[in-house]
PDB file of all heavy atoms in Angstrom:
ATOM      1  N   ALA A   1      18.107 -12.101  -6.616  1.00  0.00           N
ATOM      2  CA  ALA A   1      18.195 -11.390  -5.343  1.00  0.00           C
ATOM      3  C   ALA A   1      17.420 -10.079  -5.407  1.00  0.00           C
ATOM      4  O   ALA A   1      16.764  -9.677  -4.433  1.00  0.00           O
ATOM      5  CB  ALA A   1      19.660 -11.114  -4.996  1.00  0.00           C
ATOM      6  N   GLY A   2      17.471  -9.425  -6.558  1.00  0.00           N
ATOM      7  CA  GLY A   2      16.733  -8.184  -6.724  1.00  0.00           C
ATOM      8  C   GLY A   2      15.233  -8.385  -6.628  1.00  0.00           C
ATOM      9  O   GLY A   2      14.514  -7.564  -6.040  1.00  0.00           O
ATOM     10  N   SER A   3      14.736  -9.485  -7.195  1.00  0.00           N
ATOM     11  CA  SER A   3      13.300  -9.768  -7.119  1.00  0.00           C
ATOM     12  C   SER A   3      12.880 -10.054  -5.681  1.00  0.00           C
ATOM     13  O   SER A   3      11.793  -9.657  -5.252  1.00  0.00           O
ATOM     14  CB  SER A   3      12.947 -10.951  -8.025  1.00  0.00           C
ATOM     15  OG  SER A   3      13.507 -12.159  -7.543  1.00  0.00           O
ATOM     16  N   VAL A   4      13.744 -10.751  -4.942  1.00  0.00           N
ATOM     17  CA  VAL A   4      13.470 -10.997  -3.526  1.00  0.00           C
ATOM     18  C   VAL A   4      13.429  -9.673  -2.770  1.00  0.00           C
ATOM     19  O   VAL A   4      12.531  -9.418  -1.952  1.00  0.00           O
ATOM     20  CB  VAL A   4      14.534 -11.939  -2.910  1.00  0.00           C
ATOM     21  CG1 VAL A   4      14.337 -12.049  -1.390  1.00  0.00           C
ATOM     22  CG2 VAL A   4      14.467 -13.316  -3.556  1.00  0.00           C
ATOM     23  N   PHE A   5      14.412  -8.819  -3.055  1.00  0.00           N
ATOM     24  CA  PHE A   5      14.506  -7.527  -2.384  1.00  0.00           C
ATOM     25  C   PHE A   5      13.263  -6.674  -2.636  1.00  0.00           C
ATOM     26  O   PHE A   5      12.611  -6.197  -1.702  1.00  0.00           O
ATOM     27  CB  PHE A   5      15.756  -6.785  -2.877  1.00  0.00           C
ATOM     28  CG  PHE A   5      15.835  -5.346  -2.433  1.00  0.00           C
ATOM     29  CD1 PHE A   5      16.334  -5.020  -1.188  1.00  0.00           C
ATOM     30  CD2 PHE A   5      15.389  -4.326  -3.257  1.00  0.00           C
ATOM     31  CE1 PHE A   5      16.407  -3.696  -0.773  1.00  0.00           C
ATOM     32  CE2 PHE A   5      15.456  -3.003  -2.859  1.00  0.00           C
ATOM     33  CZ  PHE A   5      15.964  -2.689  -1.612  1.00  0.00           C
ATOM     34  N   MET A   6      12.929  -6.481  -3.909  1.00  0.00           N
ATOM     35  CA  MET A   6      11.836  -5.567  -4.237  1.00  0.00           C
ATOM     36  C   MET A   6      10.494  -6.075  -3.723  1.00  0.00           C
ATOM     37  O   MET A   6       9.705  -5.308  -3.143  1.00  0.00           O
ATOM     38  CB  MET A   6      11.770  -5.340  -5.745  1.00  0.00           C
ATOM     39  CG  MET A   6      10.690  -4.339  -6.150  1.00  0.00           C
ATOM     40  SD  MET A   6      10.764  -3.837  -7.880  1.00  0.00           S
ATOM     41  CE  MET A   6      12.121  -2.672  -7.828  1.00  0.00           C
ATOM     42  N   THR A   7      10.204  -7.359  -3.922  1.00  0.00           N
ATOM     43  CA  THR A   7       8.913  -7.880  -3.475  1.00  0.00           C
ATOM     44  C   THR A   7       8.811  -7.919  -1.953  1.00  0.00           C
ATOM     45  O   THR A   7       7.732  -7.701  -1.399  1.00  0.00           O
ATOM     46  CB  THR A   7       8.661  -9.290  -4.040  1.00  0.00           C
ATOM     47  OG1 THR A   7       9.736 -10.167  -3.672  1.00  0.00           O
ATOM     48  CG2 THR A   7       8.542  -9.257  -5.563  1.00  0.00           C
ATOM     49  N   THR A   8       9.933  -8.172  -1.274  1.00  0.00           N
ATOM     50  CA  THR A   8       9.904  -8.194   0.192  1.00  0.00           C
ATOM     51  C   THR A   8       9.639  -6.800   0.739  1.00  0.00           C
ATOM     52  O   THR A   8       8.832  -6.626   1.664  1.00  0.00           O
ATOM     53  CB  THR A   8      11.231  -8.731   0.755  1.00  0.00           C
ATOM     54  OG1 THR A   8      11.456 -10.062   0.276  1.00  0.00           O
ATOM     55  CG2 THR A   8      11.190  -8.771   2.287  1.00  0.00           C
ATOM     56  N   VAL A   9      10.292  -5.793   0.171  1.00  0.00           N
ATOM     57  CA  VAL A   9      10.092  -4.415   0.638  1.00  0.00           C
ATOM     58  C   VAL A   9       8.642  -3.986   0.437  1.00  0.00           C
ATOM     59  O   VAL A   9       7.991  -3.483   1.369  1.00  0.00           O
ATOM     60  CB  VAL A   9      11.044  -3.454  -0.101  1.00  0.00           C
ATOM     61  CG1 VAL A   9      10.659  -2.008   0.186  1.00  0.00           C
ATOM     62  CG2 VAL A   9      12.481  -3.701   0.338  1.00  0.00           C
ATOM     63  N   PHE A  10       8.112  -4.195  -0.764  1.00  0.00           N
ATOM     64  CA  PHE A  10       6.745  -3.755  -1.043  1.00  0.00           C
ATOM     65  C   PHE A  10       5.702  -4.608  -0.309  1.00  0.00           C
ATOM     66  O   PHE A  10       4.592  -4.133  -0.043  1.00  0.00           O
ATOM     67  CB  PHE A  10       6.479  -3.765  -2.545  1.00  0.00           C
ATOM     68  CG  PHE A  10       7.042  -2.578  -3.260  1.00  0.00           C
ATOM     69  CD1 PHE A  10       8.196  -2.673  -4.005  1.00  0.00           C
ATOM     70  CD2 PHE A  10       6.415  -1.337  -3.162  1.00  0.00           C
ATOM     71  CE1 PHE A  10       8.726  -1.569  -4.660  1.00  0.00           C
ATOM     72  CE2 PHE A  10       6.940  -0.223  -3.807  1.00  0.00           C
ATOM     73  CZ  PHE A  10       8.098  -0.335  -4.560  1.00  0.00           C
ATOM     74  N   SER A  11       6.056  -5.858   0.024  1.00  0.00           N
ATOM     75  CA  SER A  11       5.100  -6.720   0.732  1.00  0.00           C
ATOM     76  C   SER A  11       4.798  -6.199   2.126  1.00  0.00           C
ATOM     77  O   SER A  11       3.758  -6.534   2.709  1.00  0.00           O
ATOM     78  CB  SER A  11       5.635  -8.153   0.817  1.00  0.00           C
ATOM     79  OG  SER A  11       6.721  -8.254   1.731  1.00  0.00           O
ATOM     80  N   MET A  12       5.694  -5.382   2.679  1.00  0.00           N
ATOM     81  CA  MET A  12       5.435  -4.808   4.002  1.00  0.00           C
ATOM     82  C   MET A  12       4.216  -3.887   3.966  1.00  0.00           C
ATOM     83  O   MET A  12       3.611  -3.605   5.005  1.00  0.00           O
ATOM     84  CB  MET A  12       6.676  -4.062   4.502  1.00  0.00           C
ATOM     85  CG  MET A  12       7.825  -4.980   4.886  1.00  0.00           C
ATOM     86  SD  MET A  12       9.206  -4.115   5.665  1.00  0.00           S
ATOM     87  CE  MET A  12       9.928  -3.301   4.251  1.00  0.00           C
ATOM     88  N   LEU A  13       3.856  -3.438   2.767  1.00  0.00           N
ATOM     89  CA  LEU A  13       2.647  -2.633   2.604  1.00  0.00           C
ATOM     90  C   LEU A  13       1.492  -3.455   2.033  1.00  0.00           C
ATOM     91  O   LEU A  13       0.351  -3.336   2.488  1.00  0.00           O
ATOM     92  CB  LEU A  13       2.929  -1.446   1.675  1.00  0.00           C
ATOM     93  CG  LEU A  13       3.950  -0.415   2.176  1.00  0.00           C
ATOM     94  CD1 LEU A  13       4.200   0.623   1.085  1.00  0.00           C
ATOM     95  CD2 LEU A  13       3.461   0.259   3.436  1.00  0.00           C
ATOM     96  N   THR A  14       1.804  -4.296   1.045  1.00  0.00           N
ATOM     97  CA  THR A  14       0.732  -4.992   0.336  1.00  0.00           C
ATOM     98  C   THR A  14       0.108  -6.130   1.139  1.00  0.00           C
ATOM     99  O   THR A  14      -1.102  -6.361   1.039  1.00  0.00           O
ATOM    100  CB  THR A  14       1.249  -5.541  -0.999  1.00  0.00           C
ATOM    101  OG1 THR A  14       2.347  -6.444  -0.767  1.00  0.00           O
ATOM    102  CG2 THR A  14       1.720  -4.421  -1.904  1.00  0.00           C
ATOM    103  N   VAL A  15       0.906  -6.852   1.942  1.00  0.00           N
ATOM    104  CA  VAL A  15       0.343  -7.952   2.735  1.00  0.00           C
ATOM    105  C   VAL A  15      -0.647  -7.432   3.776  1.00  0.00           C
ATOM    106  O   VAL A  15      -1.781  -7.933   3.865  1.00  0.00           O
ATOM    107  CB  VAL A  15       1.456  -8.799   3.391  1.00  0.00           C
ATOM    108  CG1 VAL A  15       0.864  -9.788   4.388  1.00  0.00           C
ATOM    109  CG2 VAL A  15       2.240  -9.558   2.315  1.00  0.00           C
ATOM    110  N   PRO A  16      -0.288  -6.430   4.589  1.00  0.00           N
ATOM    111  CA  PRO A  16      -1.286  -5.876   5.514  1.00  0.00           C
ATOM    112  C   PRO A  16      -2.490  -5.283   4.795  1.00  0.00           C
ATOM    113  O   PRO A  16      -3.620  -5.385   5.281  1.00  0.00           O
ATOM    114  CB  PRO A  16      -0.502  -4.796   6.274  1.00  0.00           C
ATOM    115  CG  PRO A  16       0.917  -5.210   6.169  1.00  0.00           C
ATOM    116  CD  PRO A  16       1.038  -5.825   4.812  1.00  0.00           C
ATOM    117  N   LEU A  17      -2.251  -4.647   3.640  1.00  0.00           N
ATOM    118  CA  LEU A  17      -3.363  -4.087   2.876  1.00  0.00           C
ATOM    119  C   LEU A  17      -4.299  -5.188   2.405  1.00  0.00           C
ATOM    120  O   LEU A  17      -5.536  -5.050   2.482  1.00  0.00           O
ATOM    121  CB  LEU A  17      -2.827  -3.307   1.674  1.00  0.00           C
ATOM    122  CG  LEU A  17      -3.879  -2.687   0.737  1.00  0.00           C
ATOM    123  CD1 LEU A  17      -4.723  -1.669   1.498  1.00  0.00           C
ATOM    124  CD2 LEU A  17      -3.215  -2.050  -0.471  1.00  0.00           C
ATOM    125  N   CYS A  18      -3.730  -6.281   1.933  1.00  0.00           N
ATOM    126  CA  CYS A  18      -4.522  -7.434   1.498  1.00  0.00           C
ATOM    127  C   CYS A  18      -5.342  -7.982   2.664  1.00  0.00           C
ATOM    128  O   CYS A  18      -6.541  -8.272   2.516  1.00  0.00           O
ATOM    129  CB  CYS A  18      -3.604  -8.508   0.922  1.00  0.00           C
ATOM    130  SG  CYS A  18      -4.447  -9.999   0.347  1.00  0.00           S
ATOM    131  N   ALA A  19      -4.706  -8.109   3.825  1.00  0.00           N
ATOM    132  CA  ALA A  19      -5.401  -8.623   5.013  1.00  0.00           C
ATOM    133  C   ALA A  19      -6.533  -7.691   5.419  1.00  0.00           C
ATOM    134  O   ALA A  19      -7.627  -8.139   5.788  1.00  0.00           O
ATOM    135  CB  ALA A  19      -4.409  -8.783   6.162  1.00  0.00           C
ATOM    136  N   TYR A  20      -6.278  -6.401   5.324  1.00  0.00           N
ATOM    137  CA  TYR A  20      -7.293  -5.407   5.710  1.00  0.00           C
ATOM    138  C   TYR A  20      -8.502  -5.467   4.766  1.00  0.00           C
ATOM    139  O   TYR A  20      -9.654  -5.454   5.208  1.00  0.00           O
ATOM    140  CB  TYR A  20      -6.674  -4.006   5.679  1.00  0.00           C
ATOM    141  CG  TYR A  20      -7.654  -2.897   5.971  1.00  0.00           C
ATOM    142  CD1 TYR A  20      -8.143  -2.691   7.251  1.00  0.00           C
ATOM    143  CD2 TYR A  20      -8.087  -2.065   4.937  1.00  0.00           C
ATOM    144  CE1 TYR A  20      -9.055  -1.677   7.498  1.00  0.00           C
ATOM    145  CE2 TYR A  20      -8.992  -1.046   5.185  1.00  0.00           C
ATOM    146  CZ  TYR A  20      -9.471  -0.852   6.469  1.00  0.00           C
ATOM    147  OH  TYR A  20     -10.384   0.148   6.719  1.00  0.00           O
ATOM    148  N   ILE A  21      -8.245  -5.536   3.463  1.00  0.00           N
ATOM    149  CA  ILE A  21      -9.332  -5.587   2.487  1.00  0.00           C
ATOM    150  C   ILE A  21     -10.149  -6.860   2.673  1.00  0.00           C
ATOM    151  O   ILE A  21     -11.397  -6.836   2.595  1.00  0.00           O
ATOM    152  CB  ILE A  21      -8.765  -5.505   1.054  1.00  0.00           C
ATOM    153  CG1 ILE A  21      -8.153  -4.119   0.826  1.00  0.00           C
ATOM    154  CG2 ILE A  21      -9.861  -5.775   0.019  1.00  0.00           C
ATOM    155  CD1 ILE A  21      -7.439  -3.976  -0.510  1.00  0.00           C
ATOM    156  N   LEU A  22      -9.474  -7.965   2.919  1.00  0.00           N
ATOM    157  CA  LEU A  22     -10.193  -9.224   3.123  1.00  0.00           C
ATOM    158  C   LEU A  22     -11.090  -9.176   4.351  1.00  0.00           C
ATOM    159  O   LEU A  22     -12.185  -9.758   4.358  1.00  0.00           O
ATOM    160  CB  LEU A  22      -9.194 -10.392   3.244  1.00  0.00           C
ATOM    161  CG  LEU A  22      -8.518 -10.826   1.947  1.00  0.00           C
ATOM    162  CD1 LEU A  22      -7.404 -11.828   2.241  1.00  0.00           C
ATOM    163  CD2 LEU A  22      -9.538 -11.430   0.985  1.00  0.00           C
ATOM    164  N   GLU A  23     -10.638  -8.481   5.387  1.00  0.00           N
ATOM    165  CA  GLU A  23     -11.475  -8.334   6.571  1.00  0.00           C
ATOM    166  C   GLU A  23     -12.761  -7.565   6.251  1.00  0.00           C
ATOM    167  O   GLU A  23     -13.811  -7.808   6.853  1.00  0.00           O
ATOM    168  CB  GLU A  23     -10.702  -7.581   7.669  1.00  0.00           C
ATOM    169  CG  GLU A  23      -9.721  -8.448   8.426  1.00  0.00           C
ATOM    170  CD  GLU A  23     -10.391  -9.574   9.188  1.00  0.00           C
ATOM    171  OE1 GLU A  23     -11.485  -9.339   9.747  1.00  0.00           O
ATOM    172  OE2 GLU A  23      -9.842 -10.684   9.199  1.00  0.00           O
ATOM    173  N   LEU A  24     -12.691  -6.679   5.286  1.00  0.00           N
ATOM    174  CA  LEU A  24     -13.858  -5.884   4.908  1.00  0.00           C
ATOM    175  C   LEU A  24     -14.821  -6.639   4.001  1.00  0.00           C
ATOM    176  O   LEU A  24     -16.043  -6.446   4.100  1.00  0.00           O
ATOM    177  CB  LEU A  24     -13.400  -4.593   4.207  1.00  0.00           C
ATOM    178  CG  LEU A  24     -12.585  -3.604   5.029  1.00  0.00           C
ATOM    179  CD1 LEU A  24     -12.181  -2.413   4.163  1.00  0.00           C
ATOM    180  CD2 LEU A  24     -13.349  -3.122   6.251  1.00  0.00           C
ATOM    181  N   VAL A  25     -14.281  -7.466   3.122  1.00  0.00           N
ATOM    182  CA  VAL A  25     -15.117  -8.075   2.087  1.00  0.00           C
ATOM    183  C   VAL A  25     -15.492  -9.536   2.356  1.00  0.00           C
ATOM    184  O   VAL A  25     -16.435 -10.047   1.738  1.00  0.00           O
ATOM    185  CB  VAL A  25     -14.439  -7.977   0.701  1.00  0.00           C
ATOM    186  CG1 VAL A  25     -14.174  -6.536   0.337  1.00  0.00           C
ATOM    187  CG2 VAL A  25     -13.133  -8.774   0.664  1.00  0.00           C
ATOM    188  N   VAL A  26     -14.764 -10.216   3.242  1.00  0.00           N
ATOM    189  CA  VAL A  26     -15.039 -11.646   3.485  1.00  0.00           C
ATOM    190  C   VAL A  26     -15.836 -11.791   4.771  1.00  0.00           C
ATOM    191  O   VAL A  26     -15.432 -11.266   5.813  1.00  0.00           O
ATOM    192  CB  VAL A  26     -13.731 -12.449   3.569  1.00  0.00           C
ATOM    193  CG1 VAL A  26     -14.046 -13.913   3.898  1.00  0.00           C
ATOM    194  CG2 VAL A  26     -12.973 -12.368   2.254  1.00  0.00           C
TER     195      VAL A  26
END
């Protein structure tokens, strides 16, 4: 449950960041 919690919280930043970087490089 802790791994779900931590990765879900941080994914709110990392997923959009990943999408943004891909828009720049792909």
